[in-house]
Amino acid sequence: MTRRRSRLLAEIVTVLVAAAVAFPLYWMVLSALKPAGEIQSTDPRPWTWAPTLDSFERVLTVDGFARYFLNSVVVATAVVALSLLMSFLSAVALTRFRFRGRTVLLVMLLVAQMVPIEALTIPLFFLMRSVGDVVPAFGLNELGSLVLVHLAFSLPFAIWMLRGFVAAVPVELEEAARIDGASRLRFTWQILFPLVLPGLVATSVLAFIHAWNDFLFAKTFIISKTENQTLPQAILVFFKPEENDWGAIMASSTLMTVPVLVFFVLVQRRLVSGLAGAVKG
């Protein structure tokens, strides 16, 4: 009986926590569907009798909105693809090989995650400006600068996380593959890669969310080239000096959330197993 009550209490607490987490998302979608008069009403209600898509229409008709969306997709996709490739190879090297400075490198990966992003924004600005003098595609006002910066912040966590997955694969498995005639390269991509795939999925979700939702770096590095602005910057169009268009702000925020939810739904099974494996590692 006591166990049943404990389980019931745990389920109630879980439902309450889930409701508290989901409520801001619900209120965002609700505000996007409300008429303009209801959003700023002095008597807010958690429902609306007259839902409308006017806010979404204003967002979708903004000049360049499709371009902003495409820029965000390009940056997020490039960051995910490059971070997965580089973090996987780095994790294999740090786990399977012994070399001088290996421990120092692992410690530096942890230290890199402790530095606040805001503290590095200005130094990164000058760094990207210098990089642009050598490689214009990665300089200021270019999407390449955003890819490089997000990659720099995604890699330390991804490498540290994948290191546990690679270490969990027995060395005997690699030895058996060598006996069967498999080279190290073949073992890495045909055997090791599928085994650590859950960890790769987990790191890809985190890298995608970080790159997709970024506003600070996008606002700092994309200064004058408006055609290279990303989706978070498009929301600024609806912040006006005379009066903010809260309906359009909520509608654009809802549209920004949809790709993240779709991506999460597609990889949720492997994401859960990947996070569980990271805890074990």
C-alpha atoms as a PDB file:
ATOM      1  CA  MET A   1       0.000   0.000   0.000  1.00  0.00           C
ATOM      2  CA  THR A   2       2.830   2.359   0.892  1.00  0.00           C
ATOM      3  CA  ARG A   3       4.573   1.632  -2.408  1.00  0.00           C
ATOM      4  CA  ARG A   4       1.370   2.368  -4.310  1.00  0.00           C
ATOM      5  CA  ARG A   5       0.963   5.718  -2.547  1.00  0.00           C
ATOM      6  CA  SER A   6       4.579   6.611  -3.243  1.00  0.00           C
ATOM      7  CA  ARG A   7       4.119   5.795  -6.904  1.00  0.00           C
ATOM      8  CA  LEU A   8       0.894   7.846  -7.057  1.00  0.00           C
ATOM      9  CA  LEU A   9       2.666  10.782  -5.396  1.00  0.00           C
ATOM     10  CA  ALA A  10       5.556  10.519  -7.857  1.00  0.00           C
ATOM     11  CA  GLU A  11       3.140  10.514 -10.794  1.00  0.00           C
ATOM     12  CA  ILE A  12       1.313  13.570  -9.447  1.00  0.00           C
ATOM     13  CA  VAL A  13       4.580  15.450  -8.980  1.00  0.00           C
ATOM     14  CA  THR A  14       5.660  14.452 -12.510  1.00  0.00           C
ATOM     15  CA  VAL A  15       2.409  15.754 -13.991  1.00  0.00           C
ATOM     16  CA  LEU A  16       2.721  19.041 -12.070  1.00  0.00           C
ATOM     17  CA  VAL A  17       6.317  19.541 -13.192  1.00  0.00           C
ATOM     18  CA  ALA A  18       5.400  18.721 -16.810  1.00  0.00           C
ATOM     19  CA  ALA A  19       2.499  21.197 -16.646  1.00  0.00           C
ATOM     20  CA  ALA A  20       4.753  23.917 -15.233  1.00  0.00           C
ATOM     21  CA  VAL A  21       7.298  23.328 -18.002  1.00  0.00           C
ATOM     22  CA  ALA A  22       4.677  23.209 -20.773  1.00  0.00           C
ATOM     23  CA  PHE A  23       2.678  26.245 -19.595  1.00  0.00           C
ATOM     24  CA  PRO A  24       5.014  28.915 -21.082  1.00  0.00           C
ATOM     25  CA  LEU A  25       4.902  27.095 -24.411  1.00  0.00           C
ATOM     26  CA  TYR A  26       1.100  26.928 -24.230  1.00  0.00           C
ATOM     27  CA  TRP A  27       0.868  30.633 -23.365  1.00  0.00           C
ATOM     28  CA  MET A  28       3.158  31.528 -26.271  1.00  0.00           C
ATOM     29  CA  VAL A  29       0.989  29.646 -28.785  1.00  0.00           C
ATOM     30  CA  LEU A  30      -2.182  31.029 -27.202  1.00  0.00           C
ATOM     31  CA  SER A  31      -0.912  34.607 -27.414  1.00  0.00           C
ATOM     32  CA  ALA A  32      -0.014  34.041 -31.073  1.00  0.00           C
ATOM     33  CA  LEU A  33      -3.620  32.985 -31.755  1.00  0.00           C
ATOM     34  CA  LYS A  34      -5.300  35.758 -29.781  1.00  0.00           C
ATOM     35  CA  PRO A  35      -6.672  38.903 -31.450  1.00  0.00           C
ATOM     36  CA  ALA A  36      -4.678  42.053 -30.799  1.00  0.00           C
ATOM     37  CA  GLY A  37      -7.157  43.339 -28.230  1.00  0.00           C
ATOM     38  CA  GLU A  38      -6.971  40.251 -26.041  1.00  0.00           C
ATOM     39  CA  ILE A  39      -3.188  40.038 -25.765  1.00  0.00           C
ATOM     40  CA  GLN A  40      -2.807  43.228 -23.740  1.00  0.00           C
ATOM     41  CA  SER A  41      -6.077  42.897 -21.893  1.00  0.00           C
ATOM     42  CA  THR A  42      -6.070  43.740 -18.183  1.00  0.00           C
ATOM     43  CA  ASP A  43      -8.035  40.549 -17.604  1.00  0.00           C
ATOM     44  CA  PRO A  44      -5.898  37.821 -19.211  1.00  0.00           C
ATOM     45  CA  ARG A  45      -7.545  34.452 -19.751  1.00  0.00           C
ATOM     46  CA  PRO A  46      -5.897  31.079 -20.479  1.00  0.00           C
ATOM     47  CA  TRP A  47      -8.102  30.654 -23.550  1.00  0.00           C
ATOM     48  CA  THR A  48      -9.554  32.642 -26.431  1.00  0.00           C
ATOM     49  CA  TRP A  49     -13.022  32.614 -27.948  1.00  0.00           C
ATOM     50  CA  ALA A  50     -11.880  33.992 -31.295  1.00  0.00           C
ATOM     51  CA  PRO A  51      -8.558  32.438 -32.404  1.00  0.00           C
ATOM     52  CA  THR A  52      -7.005  34.094 -35.412  1.00  0.00           C
ATOM     53  CA  LEU A  53      -3.971  33.587 -37.650  1.00  0.00           C
ATOM     54  CA  ASP A  54      -3.428  37.306 -38.259  1.00  0.00           C
ATOM     55  CA  SER A  55      -0.217  37.328 -36.208  1.00  0.00           C
ATOM     56  CA  PHE A  56       1.241  34.463 -38.239  1.00  0.00           C
ATOM     57  CA  GLU A  57       0.263  36.244 -41.442  1.00  0.00           C
ATOM     58  CA  ARG A  58       2.109  39.394 -40.374  1.00  0.00           C
ATOM     59  CA  VAL A  59       5.191  37.325 -39.594  1.00  0.00           C
ATOM     60  CA  LEU A  60       5.191  35.353 -42.831  1.00  0.00           C
ATOM     61  CA  THR A  61       4.718  38.481 -44.931  1.00  0.00           C
ATOM     62  CA  VAL A  62       7.752  40.246 -43.453  1.00  0.00           C
ATOM     63  CA  ASP A  63      10.245  41.033 -46.189  1.00  0.00           C
ATOM     64  CA  GLY A  64      13.119  38.541 -46.022  1.00  0.00           C
ATOM     65  CA  PHE A  65      11.548  36.180 -43.472  1.00  0.00           C
ATOM     66  CA  ALA A  66      12.152  33.140 -45.692  1.00  0.00           C
ATOM     67  CA  ARG A  67      15.770  34.234 -46.099  1.00  0.00           C
ATOM     68  CA  TYR A  68      16.226  34.539 -42.325  1.00  0.00           C
ATOM     69  CA  PHE A  69      14.731  31.074 -41.884  1.00  0.00           C
ATOM     70  CA  LEU A  70      17.052  29.591 -44.513  1.00  0.00           C
ATOM     71  CA  ASN A  71      20.087  31.240 -42.897  1.00  0.00           C
ATOM     72  CA  SER A  72      19.199  29.678 -39.546  1.00  0.00           C
ATOM     73  CA  VAL A  73      18.798  26.277 -41.181  1.00  0.00           C
ATOM     74  CA  VAL A  74      22.170  26.585 -42.920  1.00  0.00           C
ATOM     75  CA  VAL A  75      24.004  27.625 -39.750  1.00  0.00           C
ATOM     76  CA  ALA A  76      22.359  25.004 -37.521  1.00  0.00           C
ATOM     77  CA  THR A  77      22.850  22.198 -40.056  1.00  0.00           C
ATOM     78  CA  ALA A  78      26.508  23.070 -40.637  1.00  0.00           C
ATOM     79  CA  VAL A  79      27.206  23.263 -36.897  1.00  0.00           C
ATOM     80  CA  VAL A  80      25.531  19.899 -36.237  1.00  0.00           C
ATOM     81  CA  ALA A  81      27.286  18.121 -39.103  1.00  0.00           C
ATOM     82  CA  LEU A  82      30.750  19.508 -38.346  1.00  0.00           C
ATOM     83  CA  SER A  83      30.465  19.090 -34.576  1.00  0.00           C
ATOM     84  CA  LEU A  84      29.396  15.450 -34.942  1.00  0.00           C
ATOM     85  CA  LEU A  85      32.245  14.618 -37.301  1.00  0.00           C
ATOM     86  CA  MET A  86      34.952  16.454 -35.381  1.00  0.00           C
ATOM     87  CA  SER A  87      33.772  15.431 -31.908  1.00  0.00           C
ATOM     88  CA  PHE A  88      33.535  11.768 -32.905  1.00  0.00           C
ATOM     89  CA  LEU A  89      37.052  11.680 -34.354  1.00  0.00           C
ATOM     90  CA  SER A  90      38.408  13.648 -31.387  1.00  0.00           C
ATOM     91  CA  ALA A  91      36.731  11.328 -28.893  1.00  0.00           C
ATOM     92  CA  VAL A  92      38.213   8.307 -30.649  1.00  0.00           C
ATOM     93  CA  ALA A  93      41.683   9.867 -30.593  1.00  0.00           C
ATOM     94  CA  LEU A  94      41.456  10.827 -26.904  1.00  0.00           C
ATOM     95  CA  THR A  95      40.165   7.407 -25.907  1.00  0.00           C
ATOM     96  CA  ARG A  96      42.064   4.958 -28.103  1.00  0.00           C
ATOM     97  CA  PHE A  97      45.454   6.674 -28.279  1.00  0.00           C
ATOM     98  CA  ARG A  98      47.981   7.631 -25.633  1.00  0.00           C
ATOM     99  CA  PHE A  99      50.001  10.764 -26.380  1.00  0.00           C
ATOM    100  CA  ARG A 100      51.747  13.546 -24.525  1.00  0.00           C
ATOM    101  CA  GLY A 101      49.430  16.307 -23.336  1.00  0.00           C
ATOM    102  CA  ARG A 102      46.311  14.127 -23.484  1.00  0.00           C
ATOM    103  CA  THR A 103      45.326  14.821 -19.864  1.00  0.00           C
ATOM    104  CA  VAL A 104      45.952  18.543 -20.263  1.00  0.00           C
ATOM    105  CA  LEU A 105      43.743  18.593 -23.336  1.00  0.00           C
ATOM    106  CA  LEU A 106      40.909  16.861 -21.467  1.00  0.00           C
ATOM    107  CA  VAL A 107      41.169  19.385 -18.641  1.00  0.00           C
ATOM    108  CA  MET A 108      41.127  22.255 -21.116  1.00  0.00           C
ATOM    109  CA  LEU A 109      37.907  20.886 -22.623  1.00  0.00           C
ATOM    110  CA  LEU A 110      36.293  21.163 -19.205  1.00  0.00           C
ATOM    111  CA  VAL A 111      37.704  24.644 -18.616  1.00  0.00           C
ATOM    112  CA  ALA A 112      36.367  25.801 -21.986  1.00  0.00           C
ATOM    113  CA  GLN A 113      32.835  24.974 -20.840  1.00  0.00           C
ATOM    114  CA  MET A 114      33.192  27.035 -17.658  1.00  0.00           C
ATOM    115  CA  VAL A 115      33.879  30.357 -19.384  1.00  0.00           C
ATOM    116  CA  PRO A 116      30.703  32.492 -19.784  1.00  0.00           C
ATOM    117  CA  ILE A 117      29.740  33.124 -23.390  1.00  0.00           C
ATOM    118  CA  GLU A 118      29.197  36.819 -22.691  1.00  0.00           C
ATOM    119  CA  ALA A 119      32.799  37.205 -21.522  1.00  0.00           C
ATOM    120  CA  LEU A 120      34.100  35.947 -24.869  1.00  0.00           C
ATOM    121  CA  THR A 121      31.793  37.887 -27.172  1.00  0.00           C
ATOM    122  CA  ILE A 122      34.020  40.947 -27.608  1.00  0.00           C
ATOM    123  CA  PRO A 123      37.285  38.974 -28.035  1.00  0.00           C
ATOM    124  CA  LEU A 124      35.536  36.742 -30.569  1.00  0.00           C
ATOM    125  CA  PHE A 125      34.332  39.828 -32.438  1.00  0.00           C
ATOM    126  CA  PHE A 126      37.902  41.045 -32.958  1.00  0.00           C
ATOM    127  CA  LEU A 127      39.029  37.507 -33.759  1.00  0.00           C
ATOM    128  CA  MET A 128      36.369  37.088 -36.461  1.00  0.00           C
ATOM    129  CA  ARG A 129      37.318  40.473 -37.888  1.00  0.00           C
ATOM    130  CA  SER A 130      40.933  39.328 -38.183  1.00  0.00           C
ATOM    131  CA  VAL A 131      39.874  35.980 -39.656  1.00  0.00           C
ATOM    132  CA  GLY A 132      37.803  37.832 -42.248  1.00  0.00           C
ATOM    133  CA  ASP A 133      40.925  39.603 -43.506  1.00  0.00           C
ATOM    134  CA  VAL A 134      42.428  36.199 -44.366  1.00  0.00           C
ATOM    135  CA  VAL A 135      39.314  34.156 -45.203  1.00  0.00           C
ATOM    136  CA  PRO A 136      36.412  36.513 -46.079  1.00  0.00           C
ATOM    137  CA  ALA A 137      33.825  33.708 -45.923  1.00  0.00           C
ATOM    138  CA  PHE A 138      34.418  33.391 -42.159  1.00  0.00           C
ATOM    139  CA  GLY A 139      34.612  37.065 -41.319  1.00  0.00           C
ATOM    140  CA  LEU A 140      32.087  39.503 -39.911  1.00  0.00           C
ATOM    141  CA  ASN A 141      28.689  39.731 -41.641  1.00  0.00           C
ATOM    142  CA  GLU A 142      29.115  36.197 -42.993  1.00  0.00           C
ATOM    143  CA  LEU A 143      27.318  33.021 -41.917  1.00  0.00           C
ATOM    144  CA  GLY A 144      30.693  31.288 -41.707  1.00  0.00           C
ATOM    145  CA  SER A 145      31.574  33.341 -38.619  1.00  0.00           C
ATOM    146  CA  LEU A 146      28.485  32.032 -36.808  1.00  0.00           C
ATOM    147  CA  VAL A 147      29.335  28.454 -37.784  1.00  0.00           C
ATOM    148  CA  LEU A 148      32.877  28.785 -36.427  1.00  0.00           C
ATOM    149  CA  VAL A 149      31.801  30.333 -33.137  1.00  0.00           C
ATOM    150  CA  HIS A 150      29.022  27.831 -32.466  1.00  0.00           C
ATOM    151  CA  LEU A 151      31.361  25.013 -33.405  1.00  0.00           C
ATOM    152  CA  ALA A 152      33.908  26.260 -30.888  1.00  0.00           C
ATOM    153  CA  PHE A 153      31.321  26.187 -28.092  1.00  0.00           C
ATOM    154  CA  SER A 154      29.704  22.894 -29.117  1.00  0.00           C
ATOM    155  CA  LEU A 155      32.852  20.818 -29.543  1.00  0.00           C
ATOM    156  CA  PRO A 156      34.151  20.713 -25.921  1.00  0.00           C
ATOM    157  CA  PHE A 157      30.889  19.349 -24.529  1.00  0.00           C
ATOM    158  CA  ALA A 158      30.377  16.993 -27.475  1.00  0.00           C
ATOM    159  CA  ILE A 159      33.906  15.568 -27.218  1.00  0.00           C
ATOM    160  CA  TRP A 160      33.653  15.056 -23.467  1.00  0.00           C
ATOM    161  CA  MET A 161      30.266  13.394 -23.817  1.00  0.00           C
ATOM    162  CA  LEU A 162      31.239  11.090 -26.698  1.00  0.00           C
ATOM    163  CA  ARG A 163      34.439  10.100 -24.930  1.00  0.00           C
ATOM    164  CA  GLY A 164      32.356   8.069 -22.477  1.00  0.00           C
ATOM    165  CA  PHE A 165      30.576   6.244 -25.297  1.00  0.00           C
ATOM    166  CA  VAL A 166      33.810   5.397 -27.096  1.00  0.00           C
ATOM    167  CA  ALA A 167      35.433   4.225 -23.869  1.00  0.00           C
ATOM    168  CA  ALA A 168      32.451   1.934 -23.206  1.00  0.00           C
ATOM    169  CA  VAL A 169      33.202  -0.050 -26.390  1.00  0.00           C
ATOM    170  CA  PRO A 170      35.542  -2.921 -25.376  1.00  0.00           C
ATOM    171  CA  VAL A 171      39.027  -2.891 -26.786  1.00  0.00           C
ATOM    172  CA  GLU A 172      38.609  -6.625 -27.392  1.00  0.00           C
ATOM    173  CA  LEU A 173      36.020  -5.809 -30.034  1.00  0.00           C
ATOM    174  CA  GLU A 174      38.580  -3.848 -32.002  1.00  0.00           C
ATOM    175  CA  GLU A 175      41.130  -6.632 -31.594  1.00  0.00           C
ATOM    176  CA  ALA A 176      38.616  -9.163 -32.899  1.00  0.00           C
ATOM    177  CA  ALA A 177      37.896  -6.923 -35.892  1.00  0.00           C
ATOM    178  CA  ARG A 178      41.609  -6.716 -36.657  1.00  0.00           C
ATOM    179  CA  ILE A 179      41.906 -10.490 -36.538  1.00  0.00           C
ATOM    180  CA  ASP A 180      39.086 -10.663 -39.088  1.00  0.00           C
ATOM    181  CA  GLY A 181      41.068  -8.375 -41.363  1.00  0.00           C
ATOM    182  CA  ALA A 182      39.332  -5.034 -40.653  1.00  0.00           C
ATOM    183  CA  SER A 183      41.542  -1.958 -40.714  1.00  0.00           C
ATOM    184  CA  ARG A 184      41.344   0.720 -38.016  1.00  0.00           C
ATOM    185  CA  LEU A 185      39.458   3.011 -40.389  1.00  0.00           C
ATOM    186  CA  ARG A 186      36.925   0.326 -41.256  1.00  0.00           C
ATOM    187  CA  PHE A 187      36.428  -0.541 -37.579  1.00  0.00           C
ATOM    188  CA  THR A 188      35.920   3.119 -36.715  1.00  0.00           C
ATOM    189  CA  TRP A 189      33.197   3.799 -39.274  1.00  0.00           C
ATOM    190  CA  GLN A 190      31.470   0.422 -39.655  1.00  0.00           C
ATOM    191  CA  ILE A 191      31.551  -0.846 -36.063  1.00  0.00           C
ATOM    192  CA  LEU A 192      32.403   1.940 -33.619  1.00  0.00           C
ATOM    193  CA  PHE A 193      30.313   4.655 -35.261  1.00  0.00           C
ATOM    194  CA  PRO A 194      26.988   2.723 -35.070  1.00  0.00           C
ATOM    195  CA  LEU A 195      27.692   1.791 -31.442  1.00  0.00           C
ATOM    196  CA  VAL A 196      28.104   5.408 -30.335  1.00  0.00           C
ATOM    197  CA  LEU A 197      25.247   6.671 -32.517  1.00  0.00           C
ATOM    198  CA  PRO A 198      22.926   7.363 -29.515  1.00  0.00           C
ATOM    199  CA  GLY A 199      25.570   9.674 -28.075  1.00  0.00           C
ATOM    200  CA  LEU A 200      25.960  11.397 -31.421  1.00  0.00           C
ATOM    201  CA  VAL A 201      22.226  12.009 -31.567  1.00  0.00           C
ATOM    202  CA  ALA A 202      22.188  13.491 -28.060  1.00  0.00           C
ATOM    203  CA  THR A 203      25.030  15.880 -28.851  1.00  0.00           C
ATOM    204  CA  SER A 204      23.439  16.810 -32.182  1.00  0.00           C
ATOM    205  CA  VAL A 205      20.227  17.920 -30.468  1.00  0.00           C
ATOM    206  CA  LEU A 206      22.113  20.134 -28.038  1.00  0.00           C
ATOM    207  CA  ALA A 207      24.257  21.618 -30.812  1.00  0.00           C
ATOM    208  CA  PHE A 208      21.184  22.252 -32.970  1.00  0.00           C
ATOM    209  CA  ILE A 209      19.278  24.012 -30.187  1.00  0.00           C
ATOM    210  CA  HIS A 210      22.267  26.185 -29.303  1.00  0.00           C
ATOM    211  CA  ALA A 211      22.852  27.268 -32.902  1.00  0.00           C
ATOM    212  CA  TRP A 212      19.165  27.642 -33.805  1.00  0.00           C
ATOM    213  CA  ASN A 213      18.187  29.815 -30.832  1.00  0.00           C
ATOM    214  CA  ASP A 214      21.294  31.986 -30.785  1.00  0.00           C
ATOM    215  CA  PHE A 215      20.731  35.721 -30.765  1.00  0.00           C
ATOM    216  CA  LEU A 216      23.832  37.120 -29.070  1.00  0.00           C
ATOM    217  CA  PHE A 217      26.403  36.007 -31.642  1.00  0.00           C
ATOM    218  CA  ALA A 218      24.076  36.642 -34.572  1.00  0.00           C
ATOM    219  CA  LYS A 219      23.483  40.193 -33.401  1.00  0.00           C
ATOM    220  CA  THR A 220      27.189  40.759 -32.700  1.00  0.00           C
ATOM    221  CA  PHE A 221      28.734  39.330 -35.864  1.00  0.00           C
ATOM    222  CA  ILE A 222      26.057  40.076 -38.492  1.00  0.00           C
ATOM    223  CA  ILE A 223      26.112  43.851 -38.371  1.00  0.00           C
ATOM    224  CA  SER A 224      25.336  45.441 -41.726  1.00  0.00           C
ATOM    225  CA  LYS A 225      24.626  42.536 -44.097  1.00  0.00           C
ATOM    226  CA  THR A 226      20.899  42.133 -43.478  1.00  0.00           C
ATOM    227  CA  GLU A 227      20.529  39.306 -45.993  1.00  0.00           C
ATOM    228  CA  ASN A 228      22.691  37.133 -43.704  1.00  0.00           C
ATOM    229  CA  GLN A 229      20.646  37.725 -40.565  1.00  0.00           C
ATOM    230  CA  THR A 230      19.140  34.699 -38.828  1.00  0.00           C
ATOM    231  CA  LEU A 231      15.641  34.011 -37.582  1.00  0.00           C
ATOM    232  CA  PRO A 232      16.080  35.290 -33.988  1.00  0.00           C
ATOM    233  CA  GLN A 233      17.058  38.663 -35.437  1.00  0.00           C
ATOM    234  CA  ALA A 234      13.846  38.778 -37.462  1.00  0.00           C
ATOM    235  CA  ILE A 235      11.854  39.043 -34.227  1.00  0.00           C
ATOM    236  CA  LEU A 236      13.394  42.476 -33.645  1.00  0.00           C
ATOM    237  CA  VAL A 237      11.251  43.795 -36.497  1.00  0.00           C
ATOM    238  CA  PHE A 238       8.207  43.577 -34.224  1.00  0.00           C
ATOM    239  CA  PHE A 239       9.802  45.455 -31.329  1.00  0.00           C
ATOM    240  CA  LYS A 240       8.806  48.997 -32.197  1.00  0.00           C
ATOM    241  CA  PRO A 241       9.488  52.236 -30.269  1.00  0.00           C
ATOM    242  CA  GLU A 242       5.827  53.231 -30.178  1.00  0.00           C
ATOM    243  CA  GLU A 243       4.271  49.832 -29.397  1.00  0.00           C
ATOM    244  CA  ASN A 244       5.495  46.238 -29.550  1.00  0.00           C
ATOM    245  CA  ASP A 245       3.550  43.824 -31.729  1.00  0.00           C
ATOM    246  CA  TRP A 246       3.256  41.068 -29.132  1.00  0.00           C
ATOM    247  CA  GLY A 247       1.054  38.909 -31.323  1.00  0.00           C
ATOM    248  CA  ALA A 248       3.686  38.789 -34.065  1.00  0.00           C
ATOM    249  CA  ILE A 249       6.446  38.288 -31.490  1.00  0.00           C
ATOM    250  CA  MET A 250       4.654  35.254 -30.073  1.00  0.00           C
ATOM    251  CA  ALA A 251       3.836  33.957 -33.566  1.00  0.00           C
ATOM    252  CA  SER A 252       7.457  34.213 -34.725  1.00  0.00           C
ATOM    253  CA  SER A 253       8.625  32.549 -31.512  1.00  0.00           C
ATOM    254  CA  THR A 254       6.163  29.726 -32.165  1.00  0.00           C
ATOM    255  CA  LEU A 255       7.461  29.285 -35.704  1.00  0.00           C
ATOM    256  CA  MET A 256      11.010  29.174 -34.349  1.00  0.00           C
ATOM    257  CA  THR A 257      10.036  26.446 -31.893  1.00  0.00           C
ATOM    258  CA  VAL A 258       8.490  24.135 -34.505  1.00  0.00           C
ATOM    259  CA  PRO A 259      11.759  22.948 -36.161  1.00  0.00           C
ATOM    260  CA  VAL A 260      13.275  22.184 -32.751  1.00  0.00           C
ATOM    261  CA  LEU A 261      10.219  20.141 -31.751  1.00  0.00           C
ATOM    262  CA  VAL A 262      10.216  18.277 -35.063  1.00  0.00           C
ATOM    263  CA  PHE A 263      13.918  17.501 -34.742  1.00  0.00           C
ATOM    264  CA  PHE A 264      13.411  16.346 -31.166  1.00  0.00           C
ATOM    265  CA  VAL A 265      10.486  14.074 -32.097  1.00  0.00           C
ATOM    266  CA  LEU A 266      12.518  12.454 -34.881  1.00  0.00           C
ATOM    267  CA  VAL A 267      15.424  11.557 -32.592  1.00  0.00           C
ATOM    268  CA  GLN A 268      13.741  11.262 -29.176  1.00  0.00           C
ATOM    269  CA  ARG A 269      14.314   7.519 -28.753  1.00  0.00           C
ATOM    270  CA  ARG A 270      18.006   7.699 -29.481  1.00  0.00           C
ATOM    271  CA  LEU A 271      18.259  10.909 -27.479  1.00  0.00           C
ATOM    272  CA  VAL A 272      16.969   9.241 -24.293  1.00  0.00           C
ATOM    273  CA  SER A 273      19.301   6.281 -24.684  1.00  0.00           C
ATOM    274  CA  GLY A 274      22.151   8.636 -25.495  1.00  0.00           C
ATOM    275  CA  LEU A 275      21.664  10.749 -22.376  1.00  0.00           C
ATOM    276  CA  ALA A 276      21.339   7.596 -20.263  1.00  0.00           C
ATOM    277  CA  GLY A 277      24.556   6.278 -21.750  1.00  0.00           C
ATOM    278  CA  ALA A 278      26.301   9.549 -21.016  1.00  0.00           C
ATOM    279  CA  VAL A 279      25.323   9.297 -17.356  1.00  0.00           C
ATOM    280  CA  LYS A 280      26.646   5.718 -17.182  1.00  0.00           C
ATOM    281  CA  GLY A 281      29.868   6.726 -18.933  1.00  0.00           C
END
